[in-house]
Protein backbone atom coordinates (compact mmCIF):
# COMPACT_ATOMS: atom_id res chain seq x y z
CA MET A 1 165.30 212.61 78.65
CA LYS A 2 169.19 211.89 77.82
CA LEU A 3 170.12 208.43 78.20
CA THR A 4 174.04 209.01 78.12
CA SER A 5 174.36 208.28 81.92
CA VAL A 6 172.88 205.21 82.00
CA PHE A 7 174.31 203.67 78.84
CA PRO A 8 178.62 203.59 78.33
CA GLN A 9 179.57 205.30 75.42
CA ILE A 10 179.85 202.78 72.55
CA LYS A 11 183.68 202.95 71.07
CA THR A 12 183.87 202.16 67.44
CA GLU A 13 187.68 203.34 66.49
CA SER A 14 188.79 199.52 66.64
CA LYS A 15 185.90 198.82 64.22
CA ILE A 16 186.50 201.08 61.69
CA GLN A 17 188.97 199.97 58.63
CA LYS A 18 191.25 201.86 57.40
CA SER A 19 192.14 200.40 54.07
CA GLY A 20 189.21 201.36 51.54
CA THR A 21 187.89 197.19 50.53
CA VAL A 22 185.86 195.26 53.02
CA ALA A 23 186.21 191.92 53.14
CA ALA A 24 183.06 189.86 53.31
CA THR A 25 182.62 187.33 56.18
CA LYS A 26 180.33 184.49 56.52
CA PRO A 27 179.48 182.95 59.46
CA THR A 28 180.72 179.06 59.65
CA SER A 29 179.44 176.67 61.93
CA SER A 30 182.07 176.76 64.40
CA SER A 31 181.52 180.33 64.82
CA ALA A 32 179.71 181.24 68.28
CA PRO A 33 176.09 181.35 68.09
CA VAL A 34 174.52 184.95 67.88
CA GLY A 35 173.14 186.08 70.86
CA THR A 36 169.09 187.05 70.90
CA ASP A 37 167.00 189.51 72.90
CA ARG A 38 164.88 188.43 75.28
CA VAL A 39 162.22 190.65 77.29
CA GLU A 40 160.78 189.12 80.58
CA LEU A 41 157.69 190.61 82.08
CA SER A 42 157.19 191.00 85.92
CA ALA A 43 154.48 189.28 87.63
CA GLY A 44 152.23 192.70 87.98
CA SER A 45 152.14 193.52 84.40
CA ARG A 46 151.48 190.47 83.38
CA ASP A 47 148.62 190.33 86.09
CA VAL A 48 147.38 193.82 84.60
CA SER A 49 147.24 192.22 80.84
CA LYS A 50 145.18 189.29 82.19
CA MET A 51 142.79 191.83 83.37
CA GLN A 52 142.82 194.22 80.43
CA SER A 53 141.88 190.81 78.49
CA ILE A 54 139.29 189.81 80.72
CA LEU A 55 137.44 193.35 81.16
CA GLN A 56 137.38 193.31 77.20
CA GLU A 57 135.43 190.28 77.30
CA THR A 58 133.12 191.26 79.73
CA PRO A 59 129.53 193.68 78.65
CA GLU A 60 129.58 197.21 80.51
CA VAL A 61 125.64 196.21 81.48
CA ARG A 62 124.54 193.12 82.23
CA ALA A 63 121.46 193.12 80.27
CA GLU A 64 119.83 190.39 81.81
CA LEU A 65 119.71 191.96 85.49
CA VAL A 66 118.84 195.71 83.63
CA ALA A 67 116.04 193.83 82.35
CA GLU A 68 114.99 192.06 85.52
CA LEU A 69 114.97 195.15 87.56
CA LYS A 70 112.92 196.72 84.92
CA ARG A 71 110.23 194.32 85.05
CA ARG A 72 110.14 194.69 89.23
CA ILE A 73 109.96 198.30 89.02
CA GLU A 74 107.34 198.31 86.30
CA ASP A 75 105.27 195.68 88.20
CA GLY A 76 105.61 197.67 91.48
CA SER A 77 107.71 194.84 93.45
CA TYR A 78 110.97 196.29 93.87
CA GLU A 79 111.89 197.78 96.97
CA VAL A 80 114.92 199.71 98.99
CA ASP A 81 115.79 198.77 101.96
CA PRO A 82 116.47 202.53 103.47
CA TYR A 83 118.76 201.25 106.13
CA LYS A 84 121.09 199.46 103.56
CA VAL A 85 121.39 202.36 101.35
CA ALA A 86 122.34 204.58 104.44
CA ASP A 87 124.81 201.92 105.82
CA LYS A 88 126.51 201.94 102.17
CA MET A 89 126.21 205.86 102.12
CA MET A 90 128.18 206.33 105.60
CA LYS A 91 130.59 203.60 104.79
CA ASP A 92 131.65 205.30 101.69
CA LEU A 93 132.31 208.80 103.28
CA LEU A 94 133.62 206.86 105.79
CA SER A 95 136.08 205.45 103.57
CA GLY A 96 137.15 208.27 101.67
CA SER A 97 135.78 206.74 98.02
């Protein structure tokens, strides 16, 4: 990708010294302060960064929930409501997810 149309060409002809020696200049206290570079992140990129850090701290598997469900399945107390399952399937189907 060429960026020549985005950034103007830097003209260096006036910066080239014609003599063979280069005089060293030291900044003085009266010289203007040197500019610094700054980066500003948009609110959206800050939100994405925050979400990424939260996701990294969140475990993929909630061990206590899995253990509870296993226990309920093994002792026969886990019941599935077929109407809730069908309702969720229809909502997912209609939403295009």
